[in-house]
N, C-alpha and C. Protein backbone atom coordinates (compact mmCIF):
# COMPACT_ATOMS: atom_id res chain seq x y z
N UNK A 1 60.78 81.75 124.26
CA UNK A 1 60.30 82.75 125.22
C UNK A 1 61.44 83.70 125.57
N UNK A 2 61.18 84.99 125.53
CA UNK A 2 62.20 85.97 125.84
C UNK A 2 62.49 85.98 127.34
N UNK A 3 63.75 86.16 127.67
CA UNK A 3 64.15 86.22 129.07
C UNK A 3 63.61 87.48 129.73
N UNK A 4 63.04 87.31 130.91
CA UNK A 4 62.46 88.44 131.64
C UNK A 4 63.55 89.39 132.10
N UNK A 5 63.37 90.66 131.86
CA UNK A 5 64.30 91.68 132.31
C UNK A 5 63.61 92.56 133.35
N UNK A 6 64.20 92.65 134.52
CA UNK A 6 63.61 93.46 135.58
C UNK A 6 63.60 94.93 135.18
N UNK A 7 62.48 95.63 135.43
CA UNK A 7 62.43 97.07 135.15
C UNK A 7 63.29 97.88 136.11
N UNK A 8 63.76 97.22 137.15
CA UNK A 8 64.58 97.92 138.15
C UNK A 8 65.77 97.04 138.52
N UNK A 9 66.84 97.08 137.72
CA UNK A 9 67.99 96.22 137.99
C UNK A 9 68.66 96.56 139.31
N UNK A 10 69.28 95.55 139.91
CA UNK A 10 69.97 95.76 141.18
C UNK A 10 71.25 96.56 140.97
N UNK A 11 71.71 97.16 142.05
CA UNK A 11 72.88 98.04 141.98
C UNK A 11 73.73 97.77 143.21
N UNK A 12 74.83 97.00 143.08
CA UNK A 12 75.61 96.59 144.25
C UNK A 12 76.25 97.76 144.98
N UNK A 13 76.40 97.61 146.29
CA UNK A 13 77.09 98.62 147.08
C UNK A 13 78.53 98.77 146.63
N UNK A 14 79.17 97.63 146.34
CA UNK A 14 80.56 97.61 145.90
C UNK A 14 80.63 96.87 144.59
N UNK A 15 81.02 97.55 143.52
CA UNK A 15 81.08 96.92 142.20
C UNK A 15 82.29 96.01 142.07
N UNK A 16 83.39 96.38 142.68
CA UNK A 16 84.59 95.54 142.63
C UNK A 16 84.90 95.05 144.03
N UNK A 17 84.91 93.74 144.19
CA UNK A 17 85.11 93.18 145.52
C UNK A 17 86.56 93.28 145.97
N UNK A 18 87.44 93.80 145.09
CA UNK A 18 88.83 93.98 145.47
C UNK A 18 89.16 95.45 145.64
N UNK A 19 88.13 96.29 145.78
CA UNK A 19 88.32 97.73 145.87
C UNK A 19 89.24 98.13 147.02
N UNK A 20 89.21 97.37 148.09
CA UNK A 20 89.96 97.77 149.27
C UNK A 20 91.23 96.97 149.45
N UNK A 21 91.58 96.17 148.44
CA UNK A 21 92.85 95.45 148.50
C UNK A 21 92.78 94.21 149.35
N UNK A 22 92.57 93.08 148.72
CA UNK A 22 92.58 91.82 149.45
C UNK A 22 94.01 91.33 149.52
N UNK A 23 94.46 90.97 150.71
CA UNK A 23 95.83 90.51 150.87
C UNK A 23 96.09 89.24 150.09
N UNK A 24 97.36 89.02 149.73
CA UNK A 24 97.72 87.82 149.00
C UNK A 24 97.46 86.62 149.88
N UNK A 25 96.84 85.60 149.30
CA UNK A 25 96.53 84.40 150.07
C UNK A 25 97.80 83.61 150.33
N UNK A 26 98.03 83.24 151.54
CA UNK A 26 99.22 82.49 151.88
C UNK A 26 98.98 81.01 151.63
N UNK A 27 99.98 80.36 151.06
CA UNK A 27 99.87 78.92 150.84
C UNK A 27 100.30 78.21 152.11
N UNK A 28 99.56 77.17 152.47
CA UNK A 28 99.90 76.41 153.66
C UNK A 28 99.87 74.94 153.33
N UNK A 29 100.73 74.19 153.95
CA UNK A 29 100.72 72.75 153.74
C UNK A 29 99.69 72.15 154.66
N UNK A 30 99.11 71.03 154.26
CA UNK A 30 98.08 70.40 155.07
C UNK A 30 98.34 68.92 155.17
N UNK A 31 97.92 68.36 156.27
CA UNK A 31 98.03 66.93 156.50
C UNK A 31 96.62 66.36 156.55
N UNK A 32 96.35 65.37 155.74
CA UNK A 32 95.02 64.78 155.68
C UNK A 32 94.89 63.74 156.76
N UNK A 33 93.97 63.97 157.67
CA UNK A 33 93.72 63.04 158.77
C UNK A 33 92.29 62.56 158.66
N UNK A 34 92.06 61.26 158.55
CA UNK A 34 90.69 60.76 158.43
C UNK A 34 89.91 60.98 159.71
N UNK A 35 88.85 61.78 159.63
CA UNK A 35 88.01 62.05 160.78
C UNK A 35 86.56 61.83 160.41
N UNK A 36 85.78 61.52 161.39
CA UNK A 36 84.35 61.40 161.20
C UNK A 36 83.78 62.74 160.74
N UNK A 37 82.86 62.72 159.76
CA UNK A 37 82.31 63.95 159.19
C UNK A 37 81.66 64.81 160.26
N UNK A 38 81.01 64.19 161.23
CA UNK A 38 80.34 64.94 162.29
C UNK A 38 81.38 65.67 163.15
N UNK A 39 82.51 65.01 163.43
CA UNK A 39 83.56 65.63 164.23
C UNK A 39 84.16 66.81 163.48
N UNK A 40 84.37 66.64 162.16
CA UNK A 40 84.92 67.73 161.35
C UNK A 40 83.99 68.94 161.40
N UNK A 41 82.68 68.69 161.28
CA UNK A 41 81.70 69.78 161.32
C UNK A 41 81.75 70.52 162.65
N UNK A 42 81.85 69.76 163.74
CA UNK A 42 81.91 70.38 165.07
C UNK A 42 83.17 71.24 165.22
N UNK A 43 84.30 70.72 164.72
CA UNK A 43 85.55 71.47 164.80
C UNK A 43 85.45 72.76 164.01
N UNK A 44 84.89 72.67 162.78
CA UNK A 44 84.75 73.84 161.94
C UNK A 44 83.82 74.86 162.57
N UNK A 45 82.68 74.39 163.10
CA UNK A 45 81.72 75.30 163.72
C UNK A 45 82.34 76.02 164.91
N UNK A 46 83.10 75.30 165.72
CA UNK A 46 83.73 75.90 166.89
C UNK A 46 84.78 76.92 166.47
N UNK A 47 85.54 76.59 165.43
CA UNK A 47 86.57 77.51 164.94
C UNK A 47 85.95 78.79 164.40
N UNK A 48 84.88 78.66 163.63
CA UNK A 48 84.20 79.83 163.06
C UNK A 48 83.62 80.70 164.17
N UNK A 49 83.03 80.06 165.18
CA UNK A 49 82.44 80.82 166.28
C UNK A 49 83.52 81.58 167.05
N UNK A 50 84.69 80.98 167.20
CA UNK A 50 85.78 81.68 167.87
C UNK A 50 86.21 82.91 167.09
N UNK A 51 86.26 82.78 165.76
CA UNK A 51 86.62 83.93 164.92
C UNK A 51 85.56 85.01 165.03
N UNK A 52 84.28 84.62 165.00
CA UNK A 52 83.19 85.58 165.12
C UNK A 52 83.28 86.33 166.46
N UNK A 53 83.53 85.59 167.53
CA UNK A 53 83.64 86.21 168.85
C UNK A 53 84.82 87.19 168.90
N UNK A 54 85.92 86.80 168.27
CA UNK A 54 87.10 87.67 168.23
C UNK A 54 86.78 88.97 167.50
N UNK A 55 86.12 88.85 166.35
CA UNK A 55 85.77 90.04 165.57
C UNK A 55 84.80 90.93 166.33
N UNK A 56 83.85 90.32 167.01
CA UNK A 56 82.88 91.10 167.79
C UNK A 56 83.58 91.93 168.86
N UNK A 57 84.54 91.33 169.52
CA UNK A 57 85.29 92.07 170.55
C UNK A 57 86.08 93.21 169.93
N UNK A 58 86.62 92.96 168.74
CA UNK A 58 87.42 93.98 168.07
C UNK A 58 86.56 95.15 167.60
N UNK A 59 85.32 94.87 167.19
CA UNK A 59 84.41 95.95 166.79
C UNK A 59 84.26 96.95 167.92
N UNK A 60 84.02 96.43 169.11
CA UNK A 60 83.81 97.30 170.26
C UNK A 60 85.04 98.16 170.54
N UNK A 61 86.21 97.56 170.48
CA UNK A 61 87.44 98.29 170.76
C UNK A 61 87.72 99.35 169.70
N UNK A 62 87.65 98.94 168.42
CA UNK A 62 87.98 99.85 167.32
C UNK A 62 87.00 101.02 167.25
N UNK A 63 85.71 100.72 167.36
CA UNK A 63 84.71 101.78 167.25
C UNK A 63 84.75 102.72 168.45
N UNK A 64 84.97 102.17 169.63
CA UNK A 64 85.01 103.03 170.81
C UNK A 64 86.13 104.06 170.69
N UNK A 65 87.30 103.62 170.25
CA UNK A 65 88.43 104.54 170.09
C UNK A 65 88.15 105.55 168.99
N UNK A 66 87.53 105.09 167.91
CA UNK A 66 87.24 105.96 166.77
C UNK A 66 86.19 107.01 167.13
N UNK A 67 85.09 106.57 167.74
CA UNK A 67 83.99 107.48 168.05
C UNK A 67 84.35 108.48 169.15
N UNK A 68 85.27 108.11 169.98
CA UNK A 68 85.70 109.00 171.06
C UNK A 68 86.28 110.30 170.51
N UNK A 69 86.85 110.20 169.31
CA UNK A 69 87.53 111.36 168.72
C UNK A 69 86.66 112.19 167.78
N UNK A 70 85.58 111.60 167.24
CA UNK A 70 84.83 112.32 166.21
C UNK A 70 83.56 113.00 166.71
N UNK A 71 83.04 112.56 167.86
CA UNK A 71 81.83 113.19 168.36
C UNK A 71 80.59 112.77 167.60
N UNK A 72 79.51 113.58 167.67
CA UNK A 72 78.21 113.20 167.09
C UNK A 72 78.08 113.55 165.61
N UNK A 73 79.10 113.29 164.81
CA UNK A 73 79.03 113.59 163.38
C UNK A 73 78.13 112.61 162.64
N UNK A 74 77.59 113.06 161.52
CA UNK A 74 76.82 112.18 160.65
C UNK A 74 77.78 111.40 159.76
N UNK A 75 77.58 110.09 159.69
CA UNK A 75 78.45 109.28 158.84
C UNK A 75 77.74 107.99 158.45
N UNK A 76 78.32 107.33 157.49
CA UNK A 76 77.81 106.04 157.00
C UNK A 76 78.94 105.03 157.16
N UNK A 77 78.69 103.98 157.94
CA UNK A 77 79.69 102.95 158.16
C UNK A 77 79.42 101.77 157.24
N UNK A 78 80.41 101.44 156.42
CA UNK A 78 80.32 100.29 155.53
C UNK A 78 81.12 99.15 156.16
N UNK A 79 80.43 98.16 156.69
CA UNK A 79 81.10 97.03 157.31
C UNK A 79 81.53 96.02 156.26
N UNK A 80 82.76 95.57 156.34
CA UNK A 80 83.35 94.61 155.40
C UNK A 80 83.81 93.40 156.21
N UNK A 81 83.12 92.25 156.02
CA UNK A 81 83.40 91.06 156.82
C UNK A 81 83.58 89.86 155.90
N UNK A 82 84.49 88.94 156.23
CA UNK A 82 84.73 87.76 155.38
C UNK A 82 83.52 86.83 155.32
N UNK A 83 83.23 86.34 154.12
CA UNK A 83 82.11 85.42 153.93
C UNK A 83 82.28 84.11 154.69
N UNK A 84 83.53 83.76 154.96
CA UNK A 84 83.81 82.45 155.56
C UNK A 84 83.21 82.27 156.95
N UNK A 85 82.81 83.36 157.59
CA UNK A 85 82.24 83.23 158.94
C UNK A 85 80.73 83.40 158.94
N UNK A 86 80.13 83.32 157.75
CA UNK A 86 78.67 83.42 157.63
C UNK A 86 78.04 82.04 157.54
N UNK A 87 76.78 81.98 157.91
CA UNK A 87 75.99 80.77 157.74
C UNK A 87 75.26 80.87 156.40
N UNK A 88 75.63 80.07 155.39
CA UNK A 88 75.01 80.18 154.07
C UNK A 88 73.52 79.87 154.08
N UNK A 89 73.03 79.25 155.16
CA UNK A 89 71.60 78.96 155.26
C UNK A 89 70.83 80.14 155.86
N UNK A 90 71.55 81.07 156.44
CA UNK A 90 70.90 82.23 157.06
C UNK A 90 71.88 83.40 157.06
N UNK A 91 72.10 83.96 155.87
CA UNK A 91 73.06 85.05 155.75
C UNK A 91 72.71 86.23 156.65
N UNK A 92 71.45 86.68 156.54
CA UNK A 92 71.06 87.87 157.28
C UNK A 92 71.14 87.64 158.79
N UNK A 93 70.71 86.46 159.22
CA UNK A 93 70.76 86.15 160.65
C UNK A 93 72.18 86.14 161.20
N UNK A 94 73.13 85.67 160.39
CA UNK A 94 74.51 85.61 160.87
C UNK A 94 75.23 86.95 160.74
N UNK A 95 74.64 87.87 159.98
CA UNK A 95 75.20 89.21 159.85
C UNK A 95 74.73 90.13 160.98
N UNK A 96 73.49 89.93 161.42
CA UNK A 96 72.87 90.84 162.39
C UNK A 96 73.72 91.11 163.65
N UNK A 97 74.36 90.09 164.24
CA UNK A 97 75.14 90.38 165.45
C UNK A 97 76.25 91.41 165.23
N UNK A 98 76.86 91.39 164.03
CA UNK A 98 77.92 92.35 163.74
C UNK A 98 77.35 93.75 163.57
N UNK A 99 76.24 93.84 162.84
CA UNK A 99 75.60 95.14 162.65
C UNK A 99 75.06 95.68 163.98
N UNK A 100 74.54 94.78 164.82
CA UNK A 100 74.02 95.20 166.13
C UNK A 100 75.15 95.75 167.01
N UNK A 101 76.29 95.08 166.96
CA UNK A 101 77.44 95.57 167.73
C UNK A 101 77.89 96.93 167.20
N UNK A 102 77.81 97.09 165.89
CA UNK A 102 78.16 98.36 165.25
C UNK A 102 77.20 99.47 165.70
N UNK A 103 75.96 99.10 166.02
CA UNK A 103 74.98 100.08 166.50
C UNK A 103 75.11 100.33 168.00
N UNK A 104 75.46 99.29 168.75
CA UNK A 104 75.54 99.42 170.20
C UNK A 104 76.71 100.31 170.64
N UNK A 105 77.83 100.17 169.96
CA UNK A 105 79.04 100.91 170.37
C UNK A 105 78.85 102.43 170.38
N UNK A 106 78.23 103.01 169.34
CA UNK A 106 78.00 104.46 169.39
C UNK A 106 77.15 104.89 170.58
N UNK A 107 76.16 104.07 170.94
CA UNK A 107 75.30 104.41 172.08
C UNK A 107 76.09 104.39 173.38
N UNK A 108 77.06 103.46 173.46
CA UNK A 108 77.89 103.39 174.66
C UNK A 108 78.84 104.58 174.74
N UNK A 109 79.24 105.08 173.57
CA UNK A 109 80.15 106.22 173.53
C UNK A 109 79.43 107.54 173.79
N UNK A 110 78.27 107.69 173.11
CA UNK A 110 77.45 108.89 173.28
C UNK A 110 75.99 108.45 173.29
N UNK A 111 75.31 108.65 174.39
CA UNK A 111 73.93 108.18 174.53
C UNK A 111 73.00 108.78 173.48
N UNK A 112 73.35 109.95 172.97
CA UNK A 112 72.48 110.63 172.01
C UNK A 112 72.67 110.15 170.58
N UNK A 113 73.65 109.30 170.33
CA UNK A 113 73.88 108.81 168.97
C UNK A 113 72.64 108.08 168.44
N UNK A 114 72.33 108.33 167.18
CA UNK A 114 71.22 107.63 166.51
C UNK A 114 71.81 106.73 165.42
N UNK A 115 71.44 105.45 165.43
CA UNK A 115 71.96 104.51 164.44
C UNK A 115 70.83 103.84 163.69
N UNK A 116 71.15 103.37 162.48
CA UNK A 116 70.13 102.69 161.66
C UNK A 116 70.82 101.67 160.76
N UNK A 117 70.39 100.41 160.85
CA UNK A 117 70.90 99.32 160.01
C UNK A 117 70.15 99.37 158.68
N UNK A 118 70.84 99.83 157.62
CA UNK A 118 70.18 100.13 156.35
C UNK A 118 70.14 98.97 155.38
N UNK A 119 71.29 98.35 155.12
CA UNK A 119 71.34 97.40 154.00
C UNK A 119 72.45 96.38 154.15
N UNK A 120 72.30 95.28 153.38
CA UNK A 120 73.29 94.21 153.31
C UNK A 120 73.45 93.77 151.87
N UNK A 121 74.68 93.55 151.46
CA UNK A 121 74.98 92.94 150.15
C UNK A 121 75.83 91.71 150.36
N UNK A 122 75.42 90.59 149.75
CA UNK A 122 76.20 89.36 149.76
C UNK A 122 76.75 89.13 148.37
N UNK A 123 78.04 88.80 148.28
CA UNK A 123 78.68 88.54 146.99
C UNK A 123 79.33 87.16 146.99
N UNK A 124 79.54 86.63 145.79
CA UNK A 124 80.39 85.46 145.67
C UNK A 124 81.82 85.90 145.97
N UNK A 125 82.57 85.05 146.62
CA UNK A 125 83.95 85.42 146.91
C UNK A 125 84.21 85.52 148.40
N UNK A 126 84.96 86.54 148.79
CA UNK A 126 85.49 86.58 150.15
C UNK A 126 84.78 87.53 151.10
N UNK A 127 83.93 88.42 150.59
CA UNK A 127 83.42 89.48 151.45
C UNK A 127 81.92 89.70 151.33
N UNK A 128 81.33 90.20 152.41
CA UNK A 128 79.99 90.77 152.35
C UNK A 128 80.06 92.15 152.98
N UNK A 129 79.05 92.95 152.70
CA UNK A 129 79.05 94.34 153.17
C UNK A 129 77.70 94.69 153.80
N UNK A 130 77.75 95.47 154.86
CA UNK A 130 76.52 96.00 155.44
C UNK A 130 76.70 97.49 155.70
N UNK A 131 75.58 98.20 155.76
CA UNK A 131 75.61 99.65 155.95
C UNK A 131 74.83 100.03 157.21
N UNK A 132 75.48 100.77 158.07
CA UNK A 132 74.83 101.34 159.26
C UNK A 132 75.04 102.85 159.22
N UNK A 133 73.95 103.60 159.29
CA UNK A 133 74.04 105.06 159.34
C UNK A 133 74.14 105.52 160.79
N UNK A 134 74.96 106.53 160.99
CA UNK A 134 75.14 107.11 162.32
C UNK A 134 74.76 108.58 162.29
N UNK A 135 73.77 108.93 163.12
CA UNK A 135 73.31 110.32 163.26
C UNK A 135 72.81 110.91 161.94
N UNK A 136 72.21 110.08 161.11
CA UNK A 136 71.60 110.57 159.87
C UNK A 136 70.16 110.95 160.17
N UNK A 137 69.98 112.09 160.82
CA UNK A 137 68.66 112.51 161.30
C UNK A 137 67.72 112.92 160.17
N UNK A 138 68.26 113.14 158.97
CA UNK A 138 67.42 113.52 157.84
C UNK A 138 66.87 112.31 157.08
N UNK A 139 67.24 111.11 157.51
CA UNK A 139 66.77 109.91 156.81
C UNK A 139 65.25 109.79 156.89
N UNK A 140 64.64 109.51 155.74
CA UNK A 140 63.20 109.30 155.67
C UNK A 140 62.95 108.07 154.80
N UNK A 141 62.49 107.00 155.42
CA UNK A 141 62.30 105.74 154.70
C UNK A 141 61.40 105.92 153.48
N UNK A 142 60.33 106.69 153.62
CA UNK A 142 59.34 106.81 152.55
C UNK A 142 59.88 107.56 151.33
N UNK A 143 60.86 108.40 151.51
CA UNK A 143 61.40 109.17 150.38
C UNK A 143 62.86 108.81 150.07
N UNK A 144 63.37 107.76 150.70
CA UNK A 144 64.78 107.40 150.54
C UNK A 144 65.12 107.00 149.10
N UNK A 145 64.13 106.56 148.33
CA UNK A 145 64.38 106.18 146.93
C UNK A 145 64.62 107.41 146.05
N UNK A 146 64.39 108.58 146.60
CA UNK A 146 64.64 109.83 145.87
C UNK A 146 65.83 110.60 146.45
N UNK A 147 66.38 110.10 147.54
CA UNK A 147 67.41 110.83 148.27
C UNK A 147 68.78 110.71 147.60
N UNK A 148 69.42 111.85 147.40
CA UNK A 148 70.76 111.88 146.82
C UNK A 148 71.76 112.56 147.76
N UNK A 149 71.37 112.63 149.04
CA UNK A 149 72.24 113.27 150.03
C UNK A 149 73.55 112.51 150.16
N UNK A 150 74.65 113.23 150.15
CA UNK A 150 75.97 112.61 150.26
C UNK A 150 76.42 112.63 151.72
N UNK A 151 76.72 111.46 152.24
CA UNK A 151 77.12 111.30 153.63
C UNK A 151 78.51 110.68 153.68
N UNK A 152 79.40 111.22 154.51
CA UNK A 152 80.76 110.66 154.61
C UNK A 152 80.73 109.16 154.91
N UNK A 153 81.55 108.42 154.19
CA UNK A 153 81.60 106.96 154.34
C UNK A 153 82.91 106.55 155.01
N UNK A 154 82.78 105.70 156.02
CA UNK A 154 83.94 105.09 156.65
C UNK A 154 83.80 103.57 156.49
N UNK A 155 84.86 102.92 156.04
CA UNK A 155 84.80 101.47 155.89
C UNK A 155 85.41 100.81 157.12
N UNK A 156 84.64 99.90 157.69
CA UNK A 156 85.06 99.15 158.87
C UNK A 156 85.45 97.75 158.40
N UNK A 157 86.74 97.51 158.25
CA UNK A 157 87.24 96.21 157.77
C UNK A 157 87.43 95.29 158.97
N UNK A 158 86.55 94.30 159.07
CA UNK A 158 86.57 93.40 160.22
C UNK A 158 87.26 92.10 159.83
N UNK A 159 88.56 92.14 159.76
CA UNK A 159 89.34 90.98 159.36
C UNK A 159 89.54 90.04 160.54
N UNK A 160 90.05 88.85 160.23
CA UNK A 160 90.32 87.87 161.28
C UNK A 160 91.53 88.27 162.11
N UNK A 161 92.30 89.23 161.60
CA UNK A 161 93.49 89.69 162.33
C UNK A 161 93.18 90.96 163.10
N UNK A 162 93.43 92.11 162.47
CA UNK A 162 93.27 93.39 163.16
C UNK A 162 92.30 94.29 162.40
N UNK A 163 91.09 94.49 162.91
CA UNK A 163 90.12 95.36 162.24
C UNK A 163 90.62 96.80 162.16
N UNK A 164 90.17 97.49 161.12
CA UNK A 164 90.53 98.90 160.93
C UNK A 164 89.31 99.67 160.47
N UNK A 165 89.33 100.97 160.68
CA UNK A 165 88.28 101.84 160.16
C UNK A 165 88.93 103.09 159.58
N UNK A 166 88.51 103.46 158.39
CA UNK A 166 89.09 104.64 157.75
C UNK A 166 88.06 105.26 156.80
N UNK A 167 88.26 106.53 156.52
CA UNK A 167 87.33 107.25 155.65
C UNK A 167 87.60 106.91 154.19
N UNK A 168 86.52 106.79 153.39
CA UNK A 168 86.63 106.48 151.97
C UNK A 168 85.80 107.48 151.17
N UNK A 169 86.34 108.66 150.88
CA UNK A 169 85.59 109.70 150.15
C UNK A 169 85.11 109.23 148.79
N UNK A 170 85.87 108.34 148.13
CA UNK A 170 85.50 107.89 146.79
C UNK A 170 84.25 107.01 146.77
N UNK A 171 83.80 106.55 147.95
CA UNK A 171 82.61 105.70 148.01
C UNK A 171 81.34 106.47 148.35
N UNK A 172 81.47 107.73 148.70
CA UNK A 172 80.31 108.51 149.14
C UNK A 172 79.21 108.52 148.09
N UNK A 173 79.53 108.94 146.87
CA UNK A 173 78.53 109.01 145.80
C UNK A 173 77.99 107.67 145.38
N UNK A 174 78.86 106.68 145.08
CA UNK A 174 78.38 105.37 144.65
C UNK A 174 77.48 104.68 145.66
N UNK A 175 77.80 104.77 146.95
CA UNK A 175 76.97 104.09 147.95
C UNK A 175 75.65 104.82 148.14
N UNK A 176 75.66 106.14 148.09
CA UNK A 176 74.40 106.89 148.17
C UNK A 176 73.48 106.49 147.02
N UNK A 177 74.03 106.33 145.82
CA UNK A 177 73.23 105.94 144.67
C UNK A 177 72.74 104.50 144.80
N UNK A 178 73.59 103.61 145.28
CA UNK A 178 73.18 102.21 145.48
C UNK A 178 72.04 102.11 146.48
N UNK A 179 72.13 102.86 147.58
CA UNK A 179 71.07 102.81 148.58
C UNK A 179 69.78 103.42 148.05
N UNK A 180 69.88 104.44 147.24
CA UNK A 180 68.68 105.02 146.63
C UNK A 180 67.99 103.98 145.75
N UNK A 181 68.76 103.27 144.94
CA UNK A 181 68.21 102.25 144.05
C UNK A 181 67.66 101.07 144.84
N UNK A 182 68.33 100.69 145.92
CA UNK A 182 67.83 99.59 146.74
C UNK A 182 66.50 99.95 147.38
N UNK A 183 66.36 101.18 147.88
CA UNK A 183 65.09 101.60 148.48
C UNK A 183 63.98 101.57 147.43
N UNK A 184 64.29 101.99 146.22
CA UNK A 184 63.29 101.94 145.16
C UNK A 184 62.93 100.50 144.83
N UNK A 185 63.94 99.67 144.62
CA UNK A 185 63.70 98.29 144.19
C UNK A 185 62.98 97.45 145.21
N UNK A 186 63.24 97.68 146.50
CA UNK A 186 62.65 96.85 147.54
C UNK A 186 61.23 97.29 147.92
N UNK A 187 60.74 98.34 147.30
CA UNK A 187 59.37 98.76 147.60
C UNK A 187 59.22 99.15 149.06
N UNK A 188 58.34 98.44 149.76
CA UNK A 188 58.09 98.72 151.17
C UNK A 188 58.69 97.66 152.09
N UNK A 189 59.71 96.94 151.60
CA UNK A 189 60.38 95.95 152.44
C UNK A 189 60.97 96.63 153.68
N UNK A 190 60.94 95.95 154.82
CA UNK A 190 61.50 96.54 156.04
C UNK A 190 63.03 96.56 155.99
N UNK A 191 63.62 97.47 156.74
CA UNK A 191 65.07 97.49 156.88
C UNK A 191 65.53 96.33 157.75
N UNK A 192 66.73 95.80 157.52
CA UNK A 192 67.69 96.20 156.48
C UNK A 192 67.31 95.61 155.13
N UNK A 193 67.58 96.35 154.07
CA UNK A 193 67.36 95.87 152.72
C UNK A 193 68.46 94.87 152.38
N UNK A 194 68.07 93.75 151.77
CA UNK A 194 69.00 92.63 151.59
C UNK A 194 69.07 92.22 150.13
N UNK A 195 70.27 92.33 149.54
CA UNK A 195 70.50 91.87 148.16
C UNK A 195 71.55 90.77 148.17
N UNK A 196 71.18 89.62 147.62
CA UNK A 196 72.07 88.47 147.56
C UNK A 196 72.55 88.28 146.13
N UNK A 197 73.77 88.68 145.85
CA UNK A 197 74.31 88.57 144.50
C UNK A 197 74.83 87.17 144.19
N UNK A 198 74.72 86.26 145.15
CA UNK A 198 75.01 84.85 144.88
C UNK A 198 73.83 84.21 144.16
N UNK A 199 72.66 84.81 144.28
CA UNK A 199 71.45 84.31 143.63
C UNK A 199 71.24 85.09 142.34
N UNK A 200 71.62 84.49 141.23
CA UNK A 200 71.56 85.18 139.94
C UNK A 200 70.13 85.41 139.47
N UNK A 201 69.18 84.68 140.04
CA UNK A 201 67.79 84.81 139.61
C UNK A 201 67.00 85.83 140.42
N UNK A 202 67.63 86.41 141.43
CA UNK A 202 66.93 87.36 142.28
C UNK A 202 66.64 88.66 141.54
N UNK A 203 65.42 89.14 141.65
CA UNK A 203 65.00 90.39 141.00
C UNK A 203 64.18 91.20 142.00
N UNK A 204 64.13 92.51 141.78
CA UNK A 204 63.24 93.34 142.57
C UNK A 204 61.82 93.09 142.09
N UNK A 205 60.94 92.70 143.01
CA UNK A 205 59.60 92.30 142.62
C UNK A 205 58.60 93.43 142.48
N UNK A 206 58.69 94.45 143.33
CA UNK A 206 57.67 95.49 143.33
C UNK A 206 58.28 96.85 143.65
N UNK A 207 59.12 97.37 142.74
CA UNK A 207 59.81 98.63 143.01
C UNK A 207 58.86 99.80 143.18
N UNK A 208 59.27 100.78 143.94
CA UNK A 208 58.43 101.94 144.23
C UNK A 208 58.08 102.72 142.96
N UNK A 209 59.00 102.76 142.01
CA UNK A 209 58.74 103.50 140.77
C UNK A 209 57.54 102.92 140.03
N UNK A 210 57.38 101.59 140.04
CA UNK A 210 56.23 100.97 139.38
C UNK A 210 54.96 101.21 140.19
N UNK A 211 55.08 101.19 141.52
CA UNK A 211 53.92 101.46 142.36
C UNK A 211 53.40 102.87 142.10
N UNK A 212 54.32 103.81 141.94
CA UNK A 212 53.93 105.21 141.69
C UNK A 212 53.27 105.33 140.32
N UNK A 213 53.81 104.63 139.30
CA UNK A 213 53.26 104.72 137.95
C UNK A 213 51.86 104.13 137.87
N UNK A 214 51.57 103.15 138.77
CA UNK A 214 50.29 102.46 138.72
C UNK A 214 49.17 103.27 139.36
N UNK A 215 49.51 104.33 140.06
CA UNK A 215 48.48 105.13 140.75
C UNK A 215 47.72 106.01 139.77
């Protein structure tokens, strides 16, 4: 039997997960202490939650300072967060608080800001990415699979140390194209559009292009 090939292949937001420079991993010595598995789980969960809380606080600080200077400009924020603080049983659920904070901060800075949580990509390795549009008043969900509008991209690197945000002109075209393909591939799925590249068997089931051809 021939292997099924999707008529609408997926298109990752970031093709190279090292595009933004992953720091060299530091080697650390460890001492093995026999602990009950339940205790280890509780310690790990508490540690991860502390990191998540730290990053959430940093989002508010970094974005508030950034938005204070730029005003109501249209932009696309690409959030970059370490996979280690995600729940593998509920990726999207554990991502939402970060994206929500990314949406709340602009409203606190300027009440008229319009935000939209567009998409999420999960990859094997160290990072996941989400996209939030800011003041993209021309966005139209029904025609987004045809949209080639180029919007300035800023990457928000939410590291465990010091988060940063900076403009990435080289990502404007590739991310616009990825989002166009995601809107087509996901058909009428609600936002945010979610692609899990850890699942090699995942395919777009009912892309808009096929729906249009069937009419």
